[in-house]
Amino acid sequence: MKRLDLTSPGARLEEALSRMERIWLETRQEWNDPVAERVEEQYVSTIRAHVRTLLDAVAKSQTVLRKAEFECQHPRERTQPL
């Protein structure tokens, strides 16, 4: 049975968030006015919060899936509990 892997997509999403934050910080060094503040509040902060919530959910789901996979295996196939 093929294992479902949520770790790799989660890692890519985390890297994308880090990249977005790094680029936004660079942008804010040059763009510092009320419009930039609104963009940060309405978009950047919202995206950041949603992605972090999603990453938490991915981590919890991966734990549940690994446990379910282990429990669905035949006892002779079980190598180690998760």
C-alpha atoms as a PDB file:
ATOM      1  CA  MET A   1       0.000   0.000   0.000  1.00  0.00           C
ATOM      2  CA  LYS A   2       1.314   3.419  -0.955  1.00  0.00           C
ATOM      3  CA  ARG A   3       1.669   5.841   1.926  1.00  0.00           C
ATOM      4  CA  LEU A   4      -0.041   9.190   1.797  1.00  0.00           C
ATOM      5  CA  ASP A   5       2.579  11.881   2.305  1.00  0.00           C
ATOM      6  CA  LEU A   6       1.498  15.310   3.481  1.00  0.00           C
ATOM      7  CA  THR A   7       4.941  16.286   4.756  1.00  0.00           C
ATOM      8  CA  SER A   8       6.441  17.225   1.371  1.00  0.00           C
ATOM      9  CA  PRO A   9       3.563  19.472   0.259  1.00  0.00           C
ATOM     10  CA  GLY A  10       3.530  21.034   3.724  1.00  0.00           C
ATOM     11  CA  ALA A  11       7.252  21.753   3.489  1.00  0.00           C
ATOM     12  CA  ARG A  12       6.794  23.368   0.078  1.00  0.00           C
ATOM     13  CA  LEU A  13       3.986  25.511   1.429  1.00  0.00           C
ATOM     14  CA  GLU A  14       6.119  26.537   4.400  1.00  0.00           C
ATOM     15  CA  GLU A  15       8.967  27.488   2.062  1.00  0.00           C
ATOM     16  CA  ALA A  16       6.571  29.527  -0.080  1.00  0.00           C
ATOM     17  CA  LEU A  17       5.349  31.371   3.014  1.00  0.00           C
ATOM     18  CA  SER A  18       8.923  32.121   4.070  1.00  0.00           C
ATOM     19  CA  ARG A  19       9.706  33.400   0.591  1.00  0.00           C
ATOM     20  CA  MET A  20       6.589  35.592   0.555  1.00  0.00           C
ATOM     21  CA  GLU A  21       7.496  37.060   3.950  1.00  0.00           C
ATOM     22  CA  ARG A  22      11.107  37.704   2.886  1.00  0.00           C
ATOM     23  CA  ILE A  23      10.022  39.436  -0.329  1.00  0.00           C
ATOM     24  CA  TRP A  24       7.373  41.432   1.518  1.00  0.00           C
ATOM     25  CA  LEU A  25       9.969  42.665   4.032  1.00  0.00           C
ATOM     26  CA  GLU A  26      12.216  43.743   1.150  1.00  0.00           C
ATOM     27  CA  THR A  27       9.270  45.492  -0.490  1.00  0.00           C
ATOM     28  CA  ARG A  28       8.350  47.306   2.735  1.00  0.00           C
ATOM     29  CA  GLN A  29      11.838  48.788   2.941  1.00  0.00           C
ATOM     30  CA  GLU A  30      11.014  50.773  -0.205  1.00  0.00           C
ATOM     31  CA  TRP A  31       7.235  51.040   0.069  1.00  0.00           C
ATOM     32  CA  ASN A  32       6.168  52.624   3.330  1.00  0.00           C
ATOM     33  CA  ASP A  33       2.865  54.442   3.049  1.00  0.00           C
ATOM     34  CA  PRO A  34      -0.768  53.904   4.105  1.00  0.00           C
ATOM     35  CA  VAL A  35      -1.471  51.780   1.018  1.00  0.00           C
ATOM     36  CA  ALA A  36       1.367  49.409   1.922  1.00  0.00           C
ATOM     37  CA  GLU A  37      -0.012  49.152   5.447  1.00  0.00           C
ATOM     38  CA  ARG A  38      -3.438  48.270   4.042  1.00  0.00           C
ATOM     39  CA  VAL A  39      -1.934  45.648   1.737  1.00  0.00           C
ATOM     40  CA  GLU A  40      -0.122  44.098   4.684  1.00  0.00           C
ATOM     41  CA  GLU A  41      -3.214  44.114   6.864  1.00  0.00           C
ATOM     42  CA  GLN A  42      -5.695  42.926   4.231  1.00  0.00           C
ATOM     43  CA  TYR A  43      -3.552  40.461   2.300  1.00  0.00           C
ATOM     44  CA  VAL A  44      -0.145  39.572   3.715  1.00  0.00           C
ATOM     45  CA  SER A  45      -1.257  39.078   7.315  1.00  0.00           C
ATOM     46  CA  THR A  46      -4.350  37.194   6.223  1.00  0.00           C
ATOM     47  CA  ILE A  47      -2.369  34.858   3.967  1.00  0.00           C
ATOM     48  CA  ARG A  48       0.185  34.302   6.721  1.00  0.00           C
ATOM     49  CA  ALA A  49      -2.507  33.366   9.252  1.00  0.00           C
ATOM     50  CA  HIS A  50      -4.320  31.038   6.837  1.00  0.00           C
ATOM     51  CA  VAL A  51      -1.139  29.257   5.782  1.00  0.00           C
ATOM     52  CA  ARG A  52      -0.021  28.732   9.384  1.00  0.00           C
ATOM     53  CA  THR A  53      -3.433  27.317  10.240  1.00  0.00           C
ATOM     54  CA  LEU A  54      -3.196  25.039   7.222  1.00  0.00           C
ATOM     55  CA  LEU A  55       0.308  23.885   8.184  1.00  0.00           C
ATOM     56  CA  ASP A  56      -0.930  22.975  11.668  1.00  0.00           C
ATOM     57  CA  ALA A  57      -3.773  20.986  10.114  1.00  0.00           C
ATOM     58  CA  VAL A  58      -1.371  19.201   7.749  1.00  0.00           C
ATOM     59  CA  ALA A  59       0.859  18.179  10.645  1.00  0.00           C
ATOM     60  CA  LYS A  60      -2.082  16.852  12.670  1.00  0.00           C
ATOM     61  CA  SER A  61      -3.521  15.047   9.638  1.00  0.00           C
ATOM     62  CA  GLN A  62      -0.191  13.387   8.900  1.00  0.00           C
ATOM     63  CA  THR A  63      -0.070  12.033  12.451  1.00  0.00           C
ATOM     64  CA  VAL A  64      -3.615  10.671  12.209  1.00  0.00           C
ATOM     65  CA  LEU A  65      -2.952   9.116   8.794  1.00  0.00           C
ATOM     66  CA  ARG A  66       0.213   7.370   9.963  1.00  0.00           C
ATOM     67  CA  LYS A  67      -1.613   5.932  12.940  1.00  0.00           C
ATOM     68  CA  ALA A  68      -4.488   4.756  10.729  1.00  0.00           C
ATOM     69  CA  GLU A  69      -2.072   3.145   8.260  1.00  0.00           C
ATOM     70  CA  PHE A  70      -0.352   1.309  11.085  1.00  0.00           C
ATOM     71  CA  GLU A  71      -3.619   0.108  12.564  1.00  0.00           C
ATOM     72  CA  CYS A  72      -4.857  -1.115   9.153  1.00  0.00           C
ATOM     73  CA  GLN A  73      -1.805  -3.293   8.576  1.00  0.00           C
ATOM     74  CA  HIS A  74      -1.864  -6.998   9.227  1.00  0.00           C
ATOM     75  CA  PRO A  75      -0.098  -7.697  12.566  1.00  0.00           C
ATOM     76  CA  ARG A  76       2.760  -9.486  10.734  1.00  0.00           C
ATOM     77  CA  GLU A  77       3.354  -6.390   8.592  1.00  0.00           C
ATOM     78  CA  ARG A  78       3.609  -4.000  11.497  1.00  0.00           C
ATOM     79  CA  THR A  79       7.199  -3.007  12.024  1.00  0.00           C
ATOM     80  CA  GLN A  80       6.876  -0.358  14.669  1.00  0.00           C
ATOM     81  CA  PRO A  81       4.122   1.671  16.320  1.00  0.00           C
ATOM     82  CA  LEU A  82       3.937   5.333  15.358  1.00  0.00           C
END
